[in-house]
């Protein structure tokens, strides 16, 4: 069950945020952006009611995500070659399976009736 962070029954914003049992990605990203902008970890921790190690973990994961998303190359020639090779492997595997079935048949070399 998720408690809304904007609960009108709470007196302060900090009190309402500390009642959140499960944080959505959107709420986490708002907190992480505040950390990245330079706000104090301790003050944010007190405000949202979470331990500093949790906030640091969120920040670290966010930075890793940013880094990995920036590493992705568009139109990577190695990726294109790999895709082409994987398609060829698939074709060869299918051909190999068909040949195995044919070899297991009664007359594997017979192609049809002789024209004599």
Protein backbone atom coordinates (compact mmCIF):
# COMPACT_ATOMS: atom_id res chain seq x y z
CA UNK A 1 0.00 0.00 0.00
CA UNK A 2 1.39 3.38 -0.98
CA UNK A 3 0.66 6.41 1.16
CA UNK A 4 0.32 9.64 -0.79
CA UNK A 5 3.11 12.12 -0.02
CA UNK A 6 0.64 14.98 -0.29
CA UNK A 7 -1.60 13.69 2.52
CA UNK A 8 -3.74 16.63 3.71
CA UNK A 9 -4.11 15.13 7.22
CA UNK A 10 -0.42 15.71 8.00
CA UNK A 11 0.65 19.04 9.47
CA UNK A 12 3.96 19.35 7.62
CA UNK A 13 5.41 18.17 4.34
CA UNK A 14 8.19 16.34 6.20
CA UNK A 15 5.63 14.48 8.28
CA UNK A 16 3.70 13.42 5.17
CA UNK A 17 6.86 12.26 3.34
CA UNK A 18 8.06 10.25 6.32
CA UNK A 19 4.83 8.22 6.17
CA UNK A 20 5.54 7.01 2.62
CA UNK A 21 6.04 3.25 2.69
CA UNK A 22 6.93 2.78 -0.97
CA UNK A 23 8.48 5.48 -3.09
CA UNK A 24 7.63 5.83 -6.78
CA UNK A 25 10.43 6.39 -9.27
CA UNK A 26 9.15 9.92 -9.85
CA UNK A 27 9.36 10.80 -6.14
CA UNK A 28 12.81 9.23 -5.86
CA UNK A 29 14.04 11.19 -8.87
CA UNK A 30 12.87 14.47 -7.34
CA UNK A 31 14.83 13.73 -4.17
CA UNK A 32 17.91 12.63 -6.15
CA UNK A 33 17.81 15.77 -8.29
CA UNK A 34 17.86 17.85 -5.13
CA UNK A 35 20.95 15.91 -3.97
CA UNK A 36 22.67 16.36 -7.32
CA UNK A 37 21.93 20.11 -7.25
CA UNK A 38 23.89 20.31 -4.00
CA UNK A 39 21.30 20.38 -1.24
CA UNK A 40 22.50 18.94 2.04
CA UNK A 41 22.10 15.20 2.40
CA UNK A 42 21.30 15.54 6.09
CA UNK A 43 18.62 18.16 5.59
CA UNK A 44 16.91 16.16 2.85
CA UNK A 45 17.18 13.03 4.97
CA UNK A 46 15.45 14.75 7.88
CA UNK A 47 12.83 16.28 5.60
CA UNK A 48 11.81 13.05 3.88
CA UNK A 49 12.36 10.84 6.92
CA UNK A 50 14.83 8.40 5.33
CA UNK A 51 18.30 7.33 6.37
CA UNK A 52 21.17 8.96 4.53
CA UNK A 53 22.51 5.64 3.24
CA UNK A 54 19.23 5.07 1.34
CA UNK A 55 19.44 8.49 -0.27
CA UNK A 56 23.09 7.89 -1.18
CA UNK A 57 22.15 4.56 -2.74
CA UNK A 58 19.43 6.25 -4.84
CA UNK A 59 21.88 8.95 -5.92
CA UNK A 60 24.53 6.37 -6.86
CA UNK A 61 22.04 4.32 -8.91
CA UNK A 62 20.85 7.45 -10.68
CA UNK A 63 24.40 8.45 -11.61
CA UNK A 64 25.13 4.93 -12.88
CA UNK A 65 21.97 5.05 -14.97
CA UNK A 66 22.95 8.37 -16.47
CA UNK A 67 26.43 7.06 -17.28
CA UNK A 68 25.18 3.85 -18.87
CA UNK A 69 22.59 5.69 -20.96
CA UNK A 70 25.26 8.01 -22.33
CA UNK A 71 27.49 5.06 -23.32
CA UNK A 72 24.92 3.70 -25.77
CA UNK A 73 26.01 4.26 -29.36
CA UNK A 74 23.64 4.76 -32.22
CA UNK A 75 24.42 3.03 -35.50
CA UNK A 76 27.26 1.08 -33.92
CA UNK A 77 29.04 -0.94 -36.65
CA UNK A 78 29.90 -3.70 -34.18
CA UNK A 79 26.26 -4.05 -33.22
CA UNK A 80 25.26 -4.26 -36.88
CA UNK A 81 27.86 -6.97 -37.52
CA UNK A 82 26.70 -8.89 -34.46
CA UNK A 83 23.08 -8.75 -35.62
CA UNK A 84 24.09 -9.99 -39.07
CA UNK A 85 26.13 -12.82 -37.56
CA UNK A 86 23.27 -13.85 -35.25
CA UNK A 87 20.88 -14.01 -38.22
CA UNK A 88 23.35 -16.18 -40.14
CA UNK A 89 23.77 -18.48 -37.14
CA UNK A 90 20.00 -18.86 -36.97
CA UNK A 91 19.81 -19.75 -40.68
CA UNK A 92 22.62 -22.29 -40.36
CA UNK A 93 21.05 -23.86 -37.28
CA UNK A 94 17.74 -24.33 -39.11
CA UNK A 95 19.51 -25.82 -42.14
CA UNK A 96 21.47 -28.14 -39.86
CA UNK A 97 18.29 -29.38 -38.18
CA UNK A 98 16.67 -30.08 -41.55
CA UNK A 99 19.73 -32.04 -42.69
CA UNK A 100 19.71 -34.09 -39.46
CA UNK A 101 16.07 -35.04 -40.05
CA UNK A 102 16.82 -35.97 -43.64
CA UNK A 103 19.82 -38.12 -42.64
CA UNK A 104 17.69 -40.04 -40.14
CA UNK A 105 15.14 -40.95 -42.80
CA UNK A 106 15.13 -44.37 -44.49
CA UNK A 107 16.82 -43.28 -47.75
CA UNK A 108 18.64 -40.00 -47.02
CA UNK A 109 20.22 -39.65 -50.49
CA UNK A 110 17.13 -40.50 -52.54
CA UNK A 111 15.58 -37.45 -54.10
CA UNK A 112 12.71 -38.93 -56.00
CA UNK A 113 11.93 -41.39 -58.78
CA UNK A 114 14.59 -42.27 -61.27
CA UNK A 115 13.92 -41.19 -64.87
CA UNK A 116 15.08 -44.48 -66.45
